[in-house]
Amino acid sequence: MAVKVIIPTPLRVYAGKRDSTEVSAGSVAGALAQLTAEFTELKKHLFTEQGHLRSFVNVYLNDEDIRYLAKEQTVTKDGDTVSIVPSIAGGCSGNSGQASR
């Protein structure tokens, strides 16, 4: 089954500067495993040393958050799209980070 995996801009440097790749997988876990086998540098950015998906990495299957499906065991089918979306945190308030007077 051909599944398209979308690689986010911050991680493309670890994926040969590709924005996506196609893998043959029957689950999200299989798709991510093939992705990280092809681009080994991605693995440490997506998974902990224990092999768990990092908490700040969100994964979607056809715009559905896998946390609300079967997580990494979510079944994929031909033509599906898996999107990796790292959480973004930080920034500052409207006062440019200065204390109010």
C-alpha atoms as a PDB file:
ATOM      1  CA  MET A   1       0.000   0.000   0.000  1.00  0.00           C
ATOM      2  CA  ALA A   2       1.426   3.361  -0.976  1.00  0.00           C
ATOM      3  CA  VAL A   3       1.167   5.887   1.835  1.00  0.00           C
ATOM      4  CA  LYS A   4       2.474   9.433   1.483  1.00  0.00           C
ATOM      5  CA  VAL A   5       4.361  10.813   4.496  1.00  0.00           C
ATOM      6  CA  ILE A   6       4.587  14.606   4.753  1.00  0.00           C
ATOM      7  CA  ILE A   7       7.842  15.794   6.347  1.00  0.00           C
ATOM      8  CA  PRO A   8       7.639  19.177   8.123  1.00  0.00           C
ATOM      9  CA  THR A   9      10.056  21.944   7.155  1.00  0.00           C
ATOM     10  CA  PRO A  10      12.162  21.835  10.374  1.00  0.00           C
ATOM     11  CA  LEU A  11      12.862  18.109   9.862  1.00  0.00           C
ATOM     12  CA  ARG A  12      13.583  18.157   6.123  1.00  0.00           C
ATOM     13  CA  VAL A  13      17.275  18.733   6.765  1.00  0.00           C
ATOM     14  CA  TYR A  14      17.329  15.181   8.206  1.00  0.00           C
ATOM     15  CA  ALA A  15      15.379  13.757   5.249  1.00  0.00           C
ATOM     16  CA  GLY A  16      17.491  14.800   2.310  1.00  0.00           C
ATOM     17  CA  LYS A  17      15.549  18.088   2.104  1.00  0.00           C
ATOM     18  CA  ARG A  18      12.476  16.194   0.902  1.00  0.00           C
ATOM     19  CA  ASP A  19       9.028  17.482   1.758  1.00  0.00           C
ATOM     20  CA  SER A  20       7.448  14.042   1.464  1.00  0.00           C
ATOM     21  CA  THR A  21       8.104  10.426   0.617  1.00  0.00           C
ATOM     22  CA  GLU A  22       6.013   7.381  -0.228  1.00  0.00           C
ATOM     23  CA  VAL A  23       6.240   4.203   1.789  1.00  0.00           C
ATOM     24  CA  SER A  24       4.449   0.883   1.700  1.00  0.00           C
ATOM     25  CA  ALA A  25       2.813   0.341   5.082  1.00  0.00           C
ATOM     26  CA  GLY A  26      -0.346  -1.036   6.633  1.00  0.00           C
ATOM     27  CA  SER A  27      -0.232   1.182   9.713  1.00  0.00           C
ATOM     28  CA  VAL A  28       1.039   4.546  10.883  1.00  0.00           C
ATOM     29  CA  ALA A  29       3.721   2.731  12.909  1.00  0.00           C
ATOM     30  CA  GLY A  30       4.842   0.910   9.772  1.00  0.00           C
ATOM     31  CA  ALA A  31       4.963   4.151   7.795  1.00  0.00           C
ATOM     32  CA  LEU A  32       7.055   5.872  10.467  1.00  0.00           C
ATOM     33  CA  ALA A  33       9.344   2.835  10.741  1.00  0.00           C
ATOM     34  CA  GLN A  34      10.004   2.879   7.003  1.00  0.00           C
ATOM     35  CA  LEU A  35      10.513   6.639   7.067  1.00  0.00           C
ATOM     36  CA  THR A  36      13.110   6.423   9.832  1.00  0.00           C
ATOM     37  CA  ALA A  37      14.792   3.422   8.169  1.00  0.00           C
ATOM     38  CA  GLU A  38      15.214   5.488   4.996  1.00  0.00           C
ATOM     39  CA  PHE A  39      16.220   8.656   6.852  1.00  0.00           C
ATOM     40  CA  THR A  40      17.965   7.444  10.011  1.00  0.00           C
ATOM     41  CA  GLU A  41      18.661  10.955  11.356  1.00  0.00           C
ATOM     42  CA  LEU A  42      14.901  11.529  11.690  1.00  0.00           C
ATOM     43  CA  LYS A  43      14.476   8.787  14.275  1.00  0.00           C
ATOM     44  CA  LYS A  44      15.966  10.712  17.204  1.00  0.00           C
ATOM     45  CA  HIS A  45      13.752  13.696  16.394  1.00  0.00           C
ATOM     46  CA  LEU A  46      10.555  11.639  16.271  1.00  0.00           C
ATOM     47  CA  PHE A  47      11.115   8.928  18.888  1.00  0.00           C
ATOM     48  CA  THR A  48      12.477   8.675  22.429  1.00  0.00           C
ATOM     49  CA  GLU A  49      15.294   6.264  23.258  1.00  0.00           C
ATOM     50  CA  GLN A  50      12.585   3.866  24.458  1.00  0.00           C
ATOM     51  CA  GLY A  51      10.991   3.909  20.985  1.00  0.00           C
ATOM     52  CA  HIS A  52       7.939   5.991  21.891  1.00  0.00           C
ATOM     53  CA  LEU A  53       6.742   8.853  19.725  1.00  0.00           C
ATOM     54  CA  ARG A  54       7.959  12.091  21.325  1.00  0.00           C
ATOM     55  CA  SER A  55       5.237  14.025  23.158  1.00  0.00           C
ATOM     56  CA  PHE A  56       5.705  17.148  21.039  1.00  0.00           C
ATOM     57  CA  VAL A  57       5.311  15.256  17.749  1.00  0.00           C
ATOM     58  CA  ASN A  58       1.750  15.136  16.452  1.00  0.00           C
ATOM     59  CA  VAL A  59       0.849  12.692  13.710  1.00  0.00           C
ATOM     60  CA  TYR A  60      -2.225  12.889  11.501  1.00  0.00           C
ATOM     61  CA  LEU A  61      -3.725  10.368   9.118  1.00  0.00           C
ATOM     62  CA  ASN A  62      -5.710  12.197   6.445  1.00  0.00           C
ATOM     63  CA  ASP A  63      -6.204  15.201   8.778  1.00  0.00           C
ATOM     64  CA  GLU A  64      -7.289  12.993  11.718  1.00  0.00           C
ATOM     65  CA  ASP A  65      -5.111  13.123  14.841  1.00  0.00           C
ATOM     66  CA  ILE A  66      -3.982   9.541  15.504  1.00  0.00           C
ATOM     67  CA  ARG A  67      -4.268  10.149  19.268  1.00  0.00           C
ATOM     68  CA  TYR A  68      -8.047   9.954  18.757  1.00  0.00           C
ATOM     69  CA  LEU A  69      -7.846   6.898  16.503  1.00  0.00           C
ATOM     70  CA  ALA A  70      -5.736   3.825  17.292  1.00  0.00           C
ATOM     71  CA  LYS A  71      -2.574   5.882  17.836  1.00  0.00           C
ATOM     72  CA  GLU A  72       0.430   4.449  15.992  1.00  0.00           C
ATOM     73  CA  GLN A  73      -1.472   1.226  15.332  1.00  0.00           C
ATOM     74  CA  THR A  74      -3.970   3.133  13.148  1.00  0.00           C
ATOM     75  CA  VAL A  75      -4.463   1.183   9.934  1.00  0.00           C
ATOM     76  CA  THR A  76      -3.499   2.849   6.665  1.00  0.00           C
ATOM     77  CA  LYS A  77      -4.735   2.146   3.166  1.00  0.00           C
ATOM     78  CA  ASP A  78      -3.502   2.896  -0.315  1.00  0.00           C
ATOM     79  CA  GLY A  79      -3.522   6.630  -1.006  1.00  0.00           C
ATOM     80  CA  ASP A  80      -3.546   7.746   2.644  1.00  0.00           C
ATOM     81  CA  THR A  81      -1.424  10.656   3.846  1.00  0.00           C
ATOM     82  CA  VAL A  82       0.474  10.668   7.121  1.00  0.00           C
ATOM     83  CA  SER A  83       1.473  14.154   8.285  1.00  0.00           C
ATOM     84  CA  ILE A  84       4.073  14.812  10.967  1.00  0.00           C
ATOM     85  CA  VAL A  85       3.463  18.075  12.808  1.00  0.00           C
ATOM     86  CA  PRO A  86       5.886  19.074  15.570  1.00  0.00           C
ATOM     87  CA  SER A  87       4.331  21.209  18.297  1.00  0.00           C
ATOM     88  CA  ILE A  88       5.547  24.780  18.474  1.00  0.00           C
ATOM     89  CA  ALA A  89       5.817  26.535  21.817  1.00  0.00           C
ATOM     90  CA  GLY A  90       7.187  29.795  23.066  1.00  0.00           C
ATOM     91  CA  GLY A  91       6.810  33.339  21.931  1.00  0.00           C
ATOM     92  CA  CYS A  92       6.104  36.340  24.043  1.00  0.00           C
ATOM     93  CA  SER A  93       3.209  38.512  25.061  1.00  0.00           C
ATOM     94  CA  GLY A  94       2.309  41.755  23.336  1.00  0.00           C
ATOM     95  CA  ASN A  95       4.567  43.745  25.640  1.00  0.00           C
ATOM     96  CA  SER A  96       7.742  42.323  24.053  1.00  0.00           C
ATOM     97  CA  GLY A  97       8.511  40.324  27.174  1.00  0.00           C
ATOM     98  CA  GLN A  98       8.967  43.435  29.347  1.00  0.00           C
ATOM     99  CA  ALA A  99       7.374  43.623  32.766  1.00  0.00           C
ATOM    100  CA  SER A 100       4.283  45.806  33.054  1.00  0.00           C
ATOM    101  CA  ARG A 101       4.569  48.986  35.045  1.00  0.00           C
END
